[in-house]
Amino acid sequence: MKGILTLLTAVLFSITGLNAQTTSTPESFLEGKWSVFVKGTPQGDVTMPVRFEVKEGKLKGYYTDLESKAEKPMDTAYFENEKYVMGFVVMGYDLKFVMAKKTDDSMTGSLMDMFDVEATRIKEEKETK
């Protein structure tokens, strides 16, 4: 009887440990590279690469400046009320994106509540030997 109880306890702790490892946060959904497509700006449709990571439990965002091609940190990147909010200043304009998860690899939303935005996860190709 003790053996069965010990075995059941071990299985219970194993399952609990697996659940703890696979639990993800809303912020972890954004981790990785994304292609953000903004429709209908005064300069036309724009595609901007962005990247997110979670450091010390906080979401950090980066965008690629379209002119200099340099990656720069976003001023804000957070999850609130089922929406992902990110913001940064480009060419003197304070840009604020608000998006919601559509699928595991896409989001939809708006820029400044004026322009439609679609974001698609960029999947890294694995090296083949």
Protein backbone atom coordinates (compact mmCIF):
# COMPACT_ATOMS: atom_id res chain seq x y z
CA MET A 1 0.00 0.00 0.00
CA LYS A 2 2.87 2.38 0.87
CA GLY A 3 4.45 1.66 -2.51
CA ILE A 4 1.27 2.57 -4.39
CA LEU A 5 0.84 5.75 -2.34
CA THR A 6 4.46 6.72 -3.01
CA LEU A 7 4.01 6.03 -6.73
CA LEU A 8 0.80 8.10 -6.90
CA THR A 9 2.50 10.98 -5.06
CA ALA A 10 5.44 10.88 -7.48
CA VAL A 11 3.09 10.90 -10.49
CA LEU A 12 1.13 13.81 -9.02
CA PHE A 13 4.30 15.87 -8.51
CA SER A 14 5.49 15.02 -12.04
CA ILE A 15 2.22 16.20 -13.58
CA THR A 16 2.26 19.38 -11.48
CA GLY A 17 5.85 20.04 -12.57
CA LEU A 18 4.97 19.57 -16.25
CA ASN A 19 2.04 21.97 -15.96
CA ALA A 20 4.27 24.58 -14.36
CA GLN A 21 6.81 24.26 -17.17
CA THR A 22 4.25 24.54 -19.99
CA THR A 23 2.29 27.42 -18.53
CA SER A 24 2.86 30.50 -20.63
CA THR A 25 2.05 34.11 -19.99
CA PRO A 26 0.33 36.47 -22.41
CA GLU A 27 3.68 38.25 -22.80
CA SER A 28 5.46 35.06 -23.85
CA PHE A 29 3.10 34.82 -26.85
CA LEU A 30 4.92 37.80 -28.39
CA GLU A 31 8.44 36.41 -27.97
CA GLY A 32 10.31 36.27 -31.25
CA LYS A 33 10.29 38.18 -34.51
CA TRP A 34 7.20 39.64 -36.18
CA SER A 35 6.39 41.40 -39.42
CA VAL A 36 3.96 44.26 -38.78
CA PHE A 37 1.97 45.44 -41.81
CA VAL A 38 0.24 48.86 -41.54
CA LYS A 39 -2.38 49.60 -44.20
CA GLY A 40 -3.14 52.96 -45.75
CA THR A 41 -0.69 55.37 -44.11
CA PRO A 42 -0.03 58.70 -45.87
CA GLN A 43 3.22 57.08 -47.11
CA GLY A 44 1.31 54.00 -48.32
CA ASP A 45 1.31 50.53 -46.85
CA VAL A 46 4.27 49.94 -44.54
CA THR A 47 5.88 46.72 -43.30
CA MET A 48 8.07 46.93 -40.20
CA PRO A 49 10.05 44.15 -38.53
CA VAL A 50 9.72 43.98 -34.73
CA ARG A 51 11.07 41.65 -32.07
CA PHE A 52 9.97 40.85 -28.52
CA GLU A 53 11.56 39.11 -25.58
CA VAL A 54 10.70 38.60 -21.94
CA LYS A 55 13.52 39.65 -19.62
CA GLU A 56 13.22 39.30 -15.86
CA GLY A 57 9.48 38.78 -16.28
CA LYS A 58 9.00 41.99 -18.30
CA LEU A 59 8.14 42.30 -21.97
CA LYS A 60 10.75 44.17 -24.02
CA GLY A 61 10.08 45.23 -27.60
CA TYR A 62 12.36 46.33 -30.43
CA TYR A 63 11.59 47.72 -33.88
CA THR A 64 13.77 48.04 -36.95
CA ASP A 65 14.02 51.67 -38.06
CA LEU A 66 13.08 51.67 -41.73
CA GLU A 67 15.57 54.40 -42.65
CA SER A 68 18.68 53.35 -40.75
CA LYS A 69 17.83 49.60 -40.65
CA ALA A 70 19.00 49.66 -37.00
CA GLU A 71 17.10 47.80 -34.30
CA LYS A 72 15.91 50.19 -31.59
CA PRO A 73 14.10 49.60 -28.29
CA MET A 74 10.41 50.41 -28.01
CA ASP A 75 9.36 52.93 -25.38
CA THR A 76 6.49 50.69 -24.25
CA ALA A 77 5.46 47.07 -24.72
CA TYR A 78 2.90 45.43 -22.46
CA PHE A 79 -0.26 43.30 -22.25
CA GLU A 80 -3.42 44.86 -20.82
CA ASN A 81 -7.14 44.08 -21.13
CA GLU A 82 -6.55 41.24 -23.61
CA LYS A 83 -4.56 43.58 -25.90
CA TYR A 84 -0.89 43.97 -26.73
CA VAL A 85 0.20 47.61 -26.61
CA MET A 86 3.48 48.84 -28.00
CA GLY A 87 4.78 52.32 -28.67
CA PHE A 88 7.81 54.19 -29.92
CA VAL A 89 8.75 57.46 -31.60
CA VAL A 90 9.68 57.50 -35.30
CA MET A 91 10.57 60.69 -37.19
CA GLY A 92 8.98 62.79 -34.44
CA TYR A 93 5.73 60.80 -34.41
CA ASP A 94 4.69 59.02 -31.21
CA LEU A 95 3.29 55.75 -32.57
CA LYS A 96 1.01 53.51 -30.51
CA PHE A 97 -0.02 50.07 -31.74
CA VAL A 98 -2.82 48.11 -30.07
CA MET A 99 -3.27 44.52 -31.22
CA ALA A 100 -5.04 41.34 -30.21
CA LYS A 101 -4.07 37.73 -30.82
CA LYS A 102 -5.83 36.29 -33.86
CA THR A 103 -4.05 32.92 -34.16
CA ASP A 104 -0.91 31.45 -32.61
CA ASP A 105 1.11 33.23 -35.30
CA SER A 106 -0.87 36.39 -36.06
CA MET A 107 -2.41 39.50 -34.53
CA THR A 108 -4.69 42.27 -35.77
CA GLY A 109 -5.27 45.76 -34.49
CA SER A 110 -4.64 49.39 -35.21
CA LEU A 111 -2.05 52.12 -35.23
CA MET A 112 -3.22 55.27 -33.46
CA ASP A 113 -6.84 54.03 -33.85
CA MET A 114 -6.55 55.20 -37.49
CA PHE A 115 -4.77 52.53 -39.53
CA ASP A 116 -5.42 48.79 -39.69
CA VAL A 117 -2.50 46.62 -38.62
CA GLU A 118 -1.76 42.94 -39.19
CA ALA A 119 1.20 41.20 -37.59
CA THR A 120 2.59 37.82 -38.58
CA ARG A 121 5.16 35.81 -36.65
CA ILE A 122 8.41 35.26 -38.54
CA LYS A 123 9.37 31.64 -38.17
CA GLU A 124 13.07 30.94 -37.97
CA GLU A 125 14.17 28.30 -40.43
CA LYS A 126 16.10 25.51 -38.81
CA GLU A 127 19.44 24.61 -40.26
CA THR A 128 19.56 21.32 -42.11
CA LYS A 129 22.75 19.38 -42.49
